[in-house]
Amino acid sequence: MRKLRLTALMLAASAGVQGFSGCAKNKEISMPLYAETAVQTPTSSPAGGAELSGDNYNSDEYYTKIQEKVSSAAVDSDPLDLGLVGNELITPDEGAEDAELGSYKMSSSGVKLYYDDTEFSDELMLTLEKYFLSFPAADYNSYQKCMFPSYIDEMEGFLGKEYDYDLKTSFSKRCSSLADNMYGDYKITRIKLEAAPVYDETKDNLETYFESLNEVFGKDYYEQVKSESDEVIDACFYIMGEDAYGQENPIVTGYEIVFAVKGGKYYTFG
C-alpha cells in the first residue's frame, strides 16, 4: 500500500506534526547510510545551539528555542533569495563512498544537488533546497516563501479551527521533529530529485496527492491550484544531512513532493 501522504500524516498526529509521503513501495534506497564527503554548509545557524545538541540534546529545551525564534520571526515581501547552482557537473572518484550516488552540482549554499537539469530547472531545485534549509535554521520567513500562497491561507484557517494554533506553530513542530532525529543542530548536505513513479495506472498521481488537501480544506483544492498556477509538477526526493555528531545520514528517503509554478516561481505544499 502506498504510504500516507503529507497531509494525511499531519491530520493523524494529535500534535499536528507534518510527515512526508512515500514515492513507491519497496523502492530500493538510492542514498547510502553514510558518506565521508559531507560538505560544510555555509547557511544560517541552527536554531537550538551546540549546547543543546549531541549528548546534551534536550528535546523540550531545543523546541522552546525554536518556538522563540519562529514566533518572533518577521515575514517580509522580499523575493526568496535562491542563490545559484554551479555549472560544473561533479563526478566522484571511482571507489569513493558517495560514488554510487552519481554526479552532482554544488549550490552556492554548499549543498550537493542531484538532478537531471533537462527535467527539472535550477530554480525548482534551489527552491527545494531553500525549503529544507529552513528547518534546521527555523527560518520561517524563507519557509513561507516556499509555500503556495493560497495553501498558507487555507492551512492557517484549518489549523486555527482544528488545533487552535497557526502555521508558525506547525512549522516549529516540524523543525523540532527533525531536530529530534538529528540530536539537535544539523546541516543539509545532499538533495536528490527525480520523477515520481506512477502509483496507480487507473488514477493520476496529482489527483491522489491532493485528495487529503481537498478533504482538509472542504473544497476541490486541486482545481483551485490548477487555476492559480501555470503548471503542477510531481516529483520524488531524498535528503541527507550531517547530524550533531558530524555523521551524514539520510533524513528523508524516496518521498513525494508537488510543486506549483506561478509567475515563474516554484512553490510547494506542506
C-alpha atoms as a PDB file:
ATOM      1  CA  MET A   1       0.000   0.000   0.000  1.00  0.00           C
ATOM      2  CA  ARG A   2       1.238   3.458  -0.830  1.00  0.00           C
ATOM      3  CA  LYS A   3       2.421   5.364   2.230  1.00  0.00           C
ATOM      4  CA  LEU A   4       0.214   8.085   3.647  1.00  0.00           C
ATOM      5  CA  ARG A   5       0.877  11.455   2.132  1.00  0.00           C
ATOM      6  CA  LEU A   6       1.884  14.593   3.989  1.00  0.00           C
ATOM      7  CA  THR A   7      -1.496  15.995   4.953  1.00  0.00           C
ATOM      8  CA  ALA A   8      -2.905  12.637   5.998  1.00  0.00           C
ATOM      9  CA  LEU A   9       0.001  12.112   8.358  1.00  0.00           C
ATOM     10  CA  MET A  10      -0.403  15.614   9.691  1.00  0.00           C
ATOM     11  CA  LEU A  11      -4.075  15.008  10.461  1.00  0.00           C
ATOM     12  CA  ALA A  12      -3.318  11.703  12.169  1.00  0.00           C
ATOM     13  CA  ALA A  13      -0.842  13.294  14.567  1.00  0.00           C
ATOM     14  CA  SER A  14      -2.516  14.980  17.511  1.00  0.00           C
ATOM     15  CA  ALA A  15       0.345  17.444  17.710  1.00  0.00           C
ATOM     16  CA  GLY A  16      -0.093  18.381  14.071  1.00  0.00           C
ATOM     17  CA  VAL A  17       3.460  17.340  13.153  1.00  0.00           C
ATOM     18  CA  GLN A  18       3.678  17.026   9.380  1.00  0.00           C
ATOM     19  CA  GLY A  19       5.265  13.983   7.731  1.00  0.00           C
ATOM     20  CA  PHE A  20       6.217  13.047   4.187  1.00  0.00           C
ATOM     21  CA  SER A  21       4.603  10.688   1.714  1.00  0.00           C
ATOM     22  CA  GLY A  22       6.440   7.769   0.143  1.00  0.00           C
ATOM     23  CA  CYS A  23       7.248   7.714  -3.556  1.00  0.00           C
ATOM     24  CA  ALA A  24       6.861   3.998  -4.040  1.00  0.00           C
ATOM     25  CA  LYS A  25       6.595   0.803  -2.065  1.00  0.00           C
ATOM     26  CA  ASN A  26       9.613  -1.488  -1.833  1.00  0.00           C
ATOM     27  CA  LYS A  27      11.776   1.042  -3.627  1.00  0.00           C
ATOM     28  CA  GLU A  28      15.482   0.480  -3.070  1.00  0.00           C
ATOM     29  CA  ILE A  29      17.199   3.226  -1.117  1.00  0.00           C
ATOM     30  CA  SER A  30      19.468   5.087  -3.522  1.00  0.00           C
ATOM     31  CA  MET A  31      21.271   7.024  -0.787  1.00  0.00           C
ATOM     32  CA  PRO A  32      23.948   5.329   1.340  1.00  0.00           C
ATOM     33  CA  LEU A  33      23.708   5.252   5.113  1.00  0.00           C
ATOM     34  CA  TYR A  34      26.903   7.233   5.411  1.00  0.00           C
ATOM     35  CA  ALA A  35      29.231   9.148   3.133  1.00  0.00           C
ATOM     36  CA  GLU A  36      32.617  10.562   4.090  1.00  0.00           C
ATOM     37  CA  THR A  37      32.360  13.574   1.825  1.00  0.00           C
ATOM     38  CA  ALA A  38      29.918  15.709   3.795  1.00  0.00           C
ATOM     39  CA  VAL A  39      30.100  19.398   2.984  1.00  0.00           C
ATOM     40  CA  GLN A  40      30.264  22.278   5.398  1.00  0.00           C
ATOM     41  CA  THR A  41      27.091  24.171   4.597  1.00  0.00           C
ATOM     42  CA  PRO A  42      27.521  27.967   4.896  1.00  0.00           C
ATOM     43  CA  THR A  43      23.898  28.677   5.757  1.00  0.00           C
ATOM     44  CA  SER A  44      22.025  30.176   8.689  1.00  0.00           C
ATOM     45  CA  SER A  45      22.984  28.793  12.083  1.00  0.00           C
ATOM     46  CA  PRO A  46      20.803  26.006  13.511  1.00  0.00           C
ATOM     47  CA  ALA A  47      18.122  27.233  15.864  1.00  0.00           C
ATOM     48  CA  GLY A  48      18.923  25.366  19.052  1.00  0.00           C
ATOM     49  CA  GLY A  49      22.650  25.694  19.555  1.00  0.00           C
ATOM     50  CA  ALA A  50      25.540  23.305  20.163  1.00  0.00           C
ATOM     51  CA  GLU A  51      24.995  23.466  23.926  1.00  0.00           C
ATOM     52  CA  LEU A  52      21.697  21.608  23.466  1.00  0.00           C
ATOM     53  CA  SER A  53      22.907  19.154  20.813  1.00  0.00           C
ATOM     54  CA  GLY A  54      24.554  15.752  20.654  1.00  0.00           C
ATOM     55  CA  ASP A  55      24.986  14.182  24.090  1.00  0.00           C
ATOM     56  CA  ASN A  56      23.450  17.349  25.581  1.00  0.00           C
ATOM     57  CA  TYR A  57      20.339  17.185  23.420  1.00  0.00           C
ATOM     58  CA  ASN A  58      17.214  18.174  25.292  1.00  0.00           C
ATOM     59  CA  SER A  59      14.115  17.992  23.122  1.00  0.00           C
ATOM     60  CA  ASP A  60      11.952  20.285  25.256  1.00  0.00           C
ATOM     61  CA  GLU A  61      14.584  22.983  25.643  1.00  0.00           C
ATOM     62  CA  TYR A  62      15.508  22.787  21.966  1.00  0.00           C
ATOM     63  CA  TYR A  63      11.855  23.140  20.979  1.00  0.00           C
ATOM     64  CA  THR A  64      11.496  26.159  23.265  1.00  0.00           C
ATOM     65  CA  LYS A  65      14.349  27.900  21.423  1.00  0.00           C
ATOM     66  CA  ILE A  66      12.776  27.033  18.075  1.00  0.00           C
ATOM     67  CA  GLN A  67       9.430  28.414  19.231  1.00  0.00           C
ATOM     68  CA  GLU A  68      11.012  31.638  20.421  1.00  0.00           C
ATOM     69  CA  LYS A  69      12.761  32.181  17.099  1.00  0.00           C
ATOM     70  CA  VAL A  70       9.767  31.315  14.950  1.00  0.00           C
ATOM     71  CA  SER A  71       7.196  33.252  16.976  1.00  0.00           C
ATOM     72  CA  SER A  72       9.297  36.417  16.708  1.00  0.00           C
ATOM     73  CA  ALA A  73      10.043  35.962  13.008  1.00  0.00           C
ATOM     74  CA  ALA A  74       9.036  38.842  10.768  1.00  0.00           C
ATOM     75  CA  VAL A  75       7.606  37.899   7.388  1.00  0.00           C
ATOM     76  CA  ASP A  76       8.672  40.268   4.619  1.00  0.00           C
ATOM     77  CA  SER A  77       7.620  40.597   0.999  1.00  0.00           C
ATOM     78  CA  ASP A  78      11.122  40.405  -0.460  1.00  0.00           C
ATOM     79  CA  PRO A  79      11.692  37.745  -3.131  1.00  0.00           C
ATOM     80  CA  LEU A  80      13.214  34.484  -1.937  1.00  0.00           C
ATOM     81  CA  ASP A  81      16.983  34.575  -2.467  1.00  0.00           C
ATOM     82  CA  LEU A  82      17.576  31.261  -4.227  1.00  0.00           C
ATOM     83  CA  GLY A  83      21.308  31.548  -4.672  1.00  0.00           C
ATOM     84  CA  LEU A  84      22.988  29.794  -7.584  1.00  0.00           C
ATOM     85  CA  VAL A  85      23.857  26.357  -8.934  1.00  0.00           C
ATOM     86  CA  GLY A  86      27.376  25.764 -10.180  1.00  0.00           C
ATOM     87  CA  ASN A  87      27.793  24.969 -13.868  1.00  0.00           C
ATOM     88  CA  GLU A  88      30.204  22.116 -13.218  1.00  0.00           C
ATOM     89  CA  LEU A  89      28.831  18.579 -13.058  1.00  0.00           C
ATOM     90  CA  ILE A  90      30.997  16.863 -10.446  1.00  0.00           C
ATOM     91  CA  THR A  91      31.590  13.123 -10.646  1.00  0.00           C
ATOM     92  CA  PRO A  92      33.074  11.410  -7.542  1.00  0.00           C
ATOM     93  CA  ASP A  93      36.188   9.318  -7.989  1.00  0.00           C
ATOM     94  CA  GLU A  94      35.646   5.624  -8.548  1.00  0.00           C
ATOM     95  CA  GLY A  95      35.605   3.873  -5.200  1.00  0.00           C
ATOM     96  CA  ALA A  96      34.600   6.985  -3.239  1.00  0.00           C
ATOM     97  CA  GLU A  97      31.973   6.487  -0.526  1.00  0.00           C
ATOM     98  CA  ASP A  98      29.459   8.568  -2.475  1.00  0.00           C
ATOM     99  CA  ALA A  99      30.311   7.260  -5.958  1.00  0.00           C
ATOM    100  CA  GLU A 100      27.067   5.282  -6.140  1.00  0.00           C
ATOM    101  CA  LEU A 101      25.082   8.488  -5.842  1.00  0.00           C
ATOM    102  CA  GLY A 102      26.304   9.646  -9.216  1.00  0.00           C
ATOM    103  CA  SER A 103      27.195  13.125 -10.408  1.00  0.00           C
ATOM    104  CA  TYR A 104      26.016  16.306  -8.755  1.00  0.00           C
ATOM    105  CA  LYS A 105      26.154  20.083  -8.902  1.00  0.00           C
ATOM    106  CA  MET A 106      27.113  22.266  -5.964  1.00  0.00           C
ATOM    107  CA  SER A 107      24.816  25.068  -4.870  1.00  0.00           C
ATOM    108  CA  SER A 108      26.106  28.383  -3.563  1.00  0.00           C
ATOM    109  CA  SER A 109      24.834  27.229  -0.136  1.00  0.00           C
ATOM    110  CA  GLY A 110      27.252  24.312  -0.255  1.00  0.00           C
ATOM    111  CA  VAL A 111      24.649  21.595  -0.785  1.00  0.00           C
ATOM    112  CA  LYS A 112      25.240  18.788  -3.284  1.00  0.00           C
ATOM    113  CA  LEU A 113      22.313  18.646  -5.706  1.00  0.00           C
ATOM    114  CA  TYR A 114      21.477  15.509  -7.699  1.00  0.00           C
ATOM    115  CA  TYR A 115      19.000  16.018 -10.545  1.00  0.00           C
ATOM    116  CA  ASP A 116      18.514  15.880 -14.292  1.00  0.00           C
ATOM    117  CA  ASP A 117      18.588  19.506 -15.430  1.00  0.00           C
ATOM    118  CA  THR A 118      16.750  18.567 -18.622  1.00  0.00           C
ATOM    119  CA  GLU A 119      13.791  17.528 -16.460  1.00  0.00           C
ATOM    120  CA  PHE A 120      13.950  19.932 -13.504  1.00  0.00           C
ATOM    121  CA  SER A 121      15.055  23.548 -13.609  1.00  0.00           C
ATOM    122  CA  ASP A 122      17.761  25.022 -11.418  1.00  0.00           C
ATOM    123  CA  GLU A 123      15.149  27.329  -9.884  1.00  0.00           C
ATOM    124  CA  LEU A 124      12.961  24.400  -8.838  1.00  0.00           C
ATOM    125  CA  MET A 125      15.940  22.608  -7.306  1.00  0.00           C
ATOM    126  CA  LEU A 126      17.064  25.709  -5.425  1.00  0.00           C
ATOM    127  CA  THR A 127      13.535  26.261  -4.116  1.00  0.00           C
ATOM    128  CA  LEU A 128      13.525  22.702  -2.759  1.00  0.00           C
ATOM    129  CA  GLU A 129      16.906  23.407  -1.192  1.00  0.00           C
ATOM    130  CA  LYS A 130      15.689  26.611   0.483  1.00  0.00           C
ATOM    131  CA  TYR A 131      12.612  24.779   1.741  1.00  0.00           C
ATOM    132  CA  PHE A 132      14.727  22.187   3.534  1.00  0.00           C
ATOM    133  CA  LEU A 133      17.368  24.644   4.707  1.00  0.00           C
ATOM    134  CA  SER A 134      14.595  26.485   6.540  1.00  0.00           C
ATOM    135  CA  PHE A 135      14.094  23.600   9.010  1.00  0.00           C
ATOM    136  CA  PRO A 136      17.476  23.360  10.787  1.00  0.00           C
ATOM    137  CA  ALA A 137      17.611  27.163  10.980  1.00  0.00           C
ATOM    138  CA  ALA A 138      13.923  27.503  11.982  1.00  0.00           C
ATOM    139  CA  ASP A 139      13.733  30.166   9.258  1.00  0.00           C
ATOM    140  CA  TYR A 140      10.002  30.787   8.983  1.00  0.00           C
ATOM    141  CA  ASN A 141      10.413  33.731   6.622  1.00  0.00           C
ATOM    142  CA  SER A 142      12.115  31.524   3.994  1.00  0.00           C
ATOM    143  CA  TYR A 143       9.768  28.609   4.660  1.00  0.00           C
ATOM    144  CA  GLN A 144       6.594  30.568   3.989  1.00  0.00           C
ATOM    145  CA  LYS A 145       8.072  31.953   0.766  1.00  0.00           C
ATOM    146  CA  CYS A 146       8.372  28.368  -0.481  1.00  0.00           C
ATOM    147  CA  MET A 147       4.674  27.704   0.196  1.00  0.00           C
ATOM    148  CA  PHE A 148       1.988  28.175  -2.439  1.00  0.00           C
ATOM    149  CA  PRO A 149       0.185  31.408  -1.433  1.00  0.00           C
ATOM    150  CA  SER A 150      -3.347  30.025  -1.190  1.00  0.00           C
ATOM    151  CA  TYR A 151      -2.064  26.996   0.750  1.00  0.00           C
ATOM    152  CA  ILE A 152      -0.854  29.317   3.509  1.00  0.00           C
ATOM    153  CA  ASP A 153      -4.282  30.947   3.797  1.00  0.00           C
ATOM    154  CA  GLU A 154      -6.167  27.661   3.713  1.00  0.00           C
ATOM    155  CA  MET A 155      -3.873  25.899   6.189  1.00  0.00           C
ATOM    156  CA  GLU A 156      -3.936  28.826   8.624  1.00  0.00           C
ATOM    157  CA  GLY A 157      -7.726  28.547   8.666  1.00  0.00           C
ATOM    158  CA  PHE A 158      -7.679  24.784   9.118  1.00  0.00           C
ATOM    159  CA  LEU A 159      -5.087  24.788  11.906  1.00  0.00           C
ATOM    160  CA  GLY A 160      -6.847  27.557  13.772  1.00  0.00           C
ATOM    161  CA  LYS A 161     -10.165  25.728  13.609  1.00  0.00           C
ATOM    162  CA  GLU A 162      -8.974  22.181  14.325  1.00  0.00           C
ATOM    163  CA  TYR A 163      -5.918  22.693  16.541  1.00  0.00           C
ATOM    164  CA  ASP A 164      -6.217  26.247  17.842  1.00  0.00           C
ATOM    165  CA  TYR A 165      -2.766  27.256  16.623  1.00  0.00           C
ATOM    166  CA  ASP A 166      -1.201  28.732  13.489  1.00  0.00           C
ATOM    167  CA  LEU A 167       1.220  27.791  10.727  1.00  0.00           C
ATOM    168  CA  LYS A 168       4.156  29.143  12.741  1.00  0.00           C
ATOM    169  CA  THR A 169       3.408  26.590  15.453  1.00  0.00           C
ATOM    170  CA  SER A 170       3.047  23.818  12.888  1.00  0.00           C
ATOM    171  CA  PHE A 171       6.397  24.799  11.365  1.00  0.00           C
ATOM    172  CA  SER A 172       8.029  24.857  14.814  1.00  0.00           C
ATOM    173  CA  LYS A 173       6.795  21.325  15.477  1.00  0.00           C
ATOM    174  CA  ARG A 174       8.225  20.125  12.157  1.00  0.00           C
ATOM    175  CA  CYS A 175      11.583  21.749  12.949  1.00  0.00           C
ATOM    176  CA  SER A 176      11.562  20.087  16.361  1.00  0.00           C
ATOM    177  CA  SER A 177      10.678  16.666  14.946  1.00  0.00           C
ATOM    178  CA  LEU A 178      13.596  16.776  12.508  1.00  0.00           C
ATOM    179  CA  ALA A 179      15.950  18.015  15.241  1.00  0.00           C
ATOM    180  CA  ASP A 180      14.891  15.055  17.396  1.00  0.00           C
ATOM    181  CA  ASN A 181      16.060  12.685  14.667  1.00  0.00           C
ATOM    182  CA  MET A 182      19.381  14.524  14.291  1.00  0.00           C
ATOM    183  CA  TYR A 183      20.123  15.068  18.016  1.00  0.00           C
ATOM    184  CA  GLY A 184      19.850  18.834  17.774  1.00  0.00           C
ATOM    185  CA  ASP A 185      21.812  21.028  15.374  1.00  0.00           C
ATOM    186  CA  TYR A 186      22.255  19.595  11.885  1.00  0.00           C
ATOM    187  CA  LYS A 187      23.056  20.603   8.323  1.00  0.00           C
ATOM    188  CA  ILE A 188      21.537  19.636   4.984  1.00  0.00           C
ATOM    189  CA  THR A 189      24.281  18.183   2.794  1.00  0.00           C
ATOM    190  CA  ARG A 190      22.663  16.482  -0.202  1.00  0.00           C
ATOM    191  CA  ILE A 191      19.354  16.697  -2.065  1.00  0.00           C
ATOM    192  CA  LYS A 192      18.233  14.404  -4.860  1.00  0.00           C
ATOM    193  CA  LEU A 193      15.172  14.957  -7.035  1.00  0.00           C
ATOM    194  CA  GLU A 194      13.733  12.608  -9.636  1.00  0.00           C
ATOM    195  CA  ALA A 195      10.475  11.992 -11.457  1.00  0.00           C
ATOM    196  CA  ALA A 196       7.752  10.382  -9.366  1.00  0.00           C
ATOM    197  CA  PRO A 197       6.730   6.873 -10.412  1.00  0.00           C
ATOM    198  CA  VAL A 198       3.179   6.083 -11.479  1.00  0.00           C
ATOM    199  CA  TYR A 199       1.493   4.796  -8.340  1.00  0.00           C
ATOM    200  CA  ASP A 200      -1.823   3.690  -9.808  1.00  0.00           C
ATOM    201  CA  GLU A 201      -2.353   3.094 -13.510  1.00  0.00           C
ATOM    202  CA  THR A 202      -6.031   3.990 -13.101  1.00  0.00           C
ATOM    203  CA  LYS A 203      -5.531   7.314 -11.324  1.00  0.00           C
ATOM    204  CA  ASP A 204      -3.468  10.446 -11.828  1.00  0.00           C
ATOM    205  CA  ASN A 205      -0.735  10.955  -9.212  1.00  0.00           C
ATOM    206  CA  LEU A 206      -1.681  14.561  -8.614  1.00  0.00           C
ATOM    207  CA  GLU A 207      -5.359  13.822  -8.122  1.00  0.00           C
ATOM    208  CA  THR A 208      -4.409  11.289  -5.454  1.00  0.00           C
ATOM    209  CA  TYR A 209      -1.929  13.663  -3.823  1.00  0.00           C
ATOM    210  CA  PHE A 210      -4.497  16.424  -3.439  1.00  0.00           C
ATOM    211  CA  GLU A 211      -7.282  14.194  -2.085  1.00  0.00           C
ATOM    212  CA  SER A 212      -6.234  14.851   1.508  1.00  0.00           C
ATOM    213  CA  LEU A 213      -5.998  18.604   0.989  1.00  0.00           C
ATOM    214  CA  ASN A 214      -9.384  18.600  -0.714  1.00  0.00           C
ATOM    215  CA  GLU A 215     -10.822  16.951   2.385  1.00  0.00           C
ATOM    216  CA  VAL A 216      -8.969  19.201   4.829  1.00  0.00           C
ATOM    217  CA  PHE A 217      -9.994  22.417   3.102  1.00  0.00           C
ATOM    218  CA  GLY A 218     -13.535  21.289   2.262  1.00  0.00           C
ATOM    219  CA  LYS A 219     -13.207  22.116  -1.425  1.00  0.00           C
ATOM    220  CA  ASP A 220     -11.677  20.927  -4.680  1.00  0.00           C
ATOM    221  CA  TYR A 221      -8.360  22.494  -3.842  1.00  0.00           C
ATOM    222  CA  TYR A 222      -6.581  20.745  -6.699  1.00  0.00           C
ATOM    223  CA  GLU A 223      -8.800  22.533  -9.205  1.00  0.00           C
ATOM    224  CA  GLN A 224      -8.088  25.798  -7.407  1.00  0.00           C
ATOM    225  CA  VAL A 225      -4.337  25.193  -7.584  1.00  0.00           C
ATOM    226  CA  LYS A 226      -4.536  24.433 -11.298  1.00  0.00           C
ATOM    227  CA  SER A 227      -6.487  27.638 -11.896  1.00  0.00           C
ATOM    228  CA  GLU A 228      -3.985  29.683  -9.864  1.00  0.00           C
ATOM    229  CA  SER A 229      -0.813  28.245 -11.379  1.00  0.00           C
ATOM    230  CA  ASP A 230       0.838  27.696 -14.736  1.00  0.00           C
ATOM    231  CA  GLU A 231       1.966  24.127 -14.091  1.00  0.00           C
ATOM    232  CA  VAL A 232       1.857  21.484 -11.354  1.00  0.00           C
ATOM    233  CA  ILE A 233       4.850  19.135 -11.033  1.00  0.00           C
ATOM    234  CA  ASP A 234       5.005  15.768  -9.269  1.00  0.00           C
ATOM    235  CA  ALA A 235       8.420  14.540  -8.096  1.00  0.00           C
ATOM    236  CA  CYS A 236      10.252  12.293  -5.651  1.00  0.00           C
ATOM    237  CA  PHE A 237      13.058  13.464  -3.345  1.00  0.00           C
ATOM    238  CA  TYR A 238      15.818  12.325  -0.991  1.00  0.00           C
ATOM    239  CA  ILE A 239      17.545  14.411   1.686  1.00  0.00           C
ATOM    240  CA  MET A 240      20.784  13.757   3.557  1.00  0.00           C
ATOM    241  CA  GLY A 241      22.219  15.749   6.424  1.00  0.00           C
ATOM    242  CA  GLU A 242      25.065  15.907   8.916  1.00  0.00           C
ATOM    243  CA  ASP A 243      23.815  15.371  12.458  1.00  0.00           C
ATOM    244  CA  ALA A 244      25.078  16.870  15.709  1.00  0.00           C
ATOM    245  CA  TYR A 245      27.804  14.193  15.862  1.00  0.00           C
ATOM    246  CA  GLY A 246      29.134  15.012  12.402  1.00  0.00           C
ATOM    247  CA  GLN A 247      27.714  11.850  10.837  1.00  0.00           C
ATOM    248  CA  GLU A 248      25.989  12.132   7.466  1.00  0.00           C
ATOM    249  CA  ASN A 249      22.782  10.134   7.260  1.00  0.00           C
ATOM    250  CA  PRO A 250      19.521  10.044   5.287  1.00  0.00           C
ATOM    251  CA  ILE A 251      16.830  12.367   6.621  1.00  0.00           C
ATOM    252  CA  VAL A 252      14.092  11.580   4.102  1.00  0.00           C
ATOM    253  CA  THR A 253      14.361   8.789   1.535  1.00  0.00           C
ATOM    254  CA  GLY A 254      12.172   8.470  -1.546  1.00  0.00           C
ATOM    255  CA  TYR A 255       9.186  10.676  -0.771  1.00  0.00           C
ATOM    256  CA  GLU A 256       6.745  12.522  -2.958  1.00  0.00           C
ATOM    257  CA  ILE A 257       6.645  16.301  -3.312  1.00  0.00           C
ATOM    258  CA  VAL A 258       4.487  18.531  -5.506  1.00  0.00           C
ATOM    259  CA  PHE A 259       5.384  21.955  -6.884  1.00  0.00           C
ATOM    260  CA  ALA A 260       3.134  24.584  -8.429  1.00  0.00           C
ATOM    261  CA  VAL A 261       4.621  27.118 -10.841  1.00  0.00           C
ATOM    262  CA  LYS A 262       3.240  30.642 -10.672  1.00  0.00           C
ATOM    263  CA  GLY A 263       4.735  33.721 -12.260  1.00  0.00           C
ATOM    264  CA  GLY A 264       7.985  31.889 -12.932  1.00  0.00           C
ATOM    265  CA  LYS A 265       8.376  30.906  -9.266  1.00  0.00           C
ATOM    266  CA  TYR A 266       8.111  27.464  -7.714  1.00  0.00           C
ATOM    267  CA  TYR A 267       6.076  26.679  -4.612  1.00  0.00           C
ATOM    268  CA  THR A 268       5.317  23.535  -2.647  1.00  0.00           C
ATOM    269  CA  PHE A 269       2.699  22.392  -0.134  1.00  0.00           C
ATOM    270  CA  GLY A 270       3.245  21.418   3.490  1.00  0.00           C
END
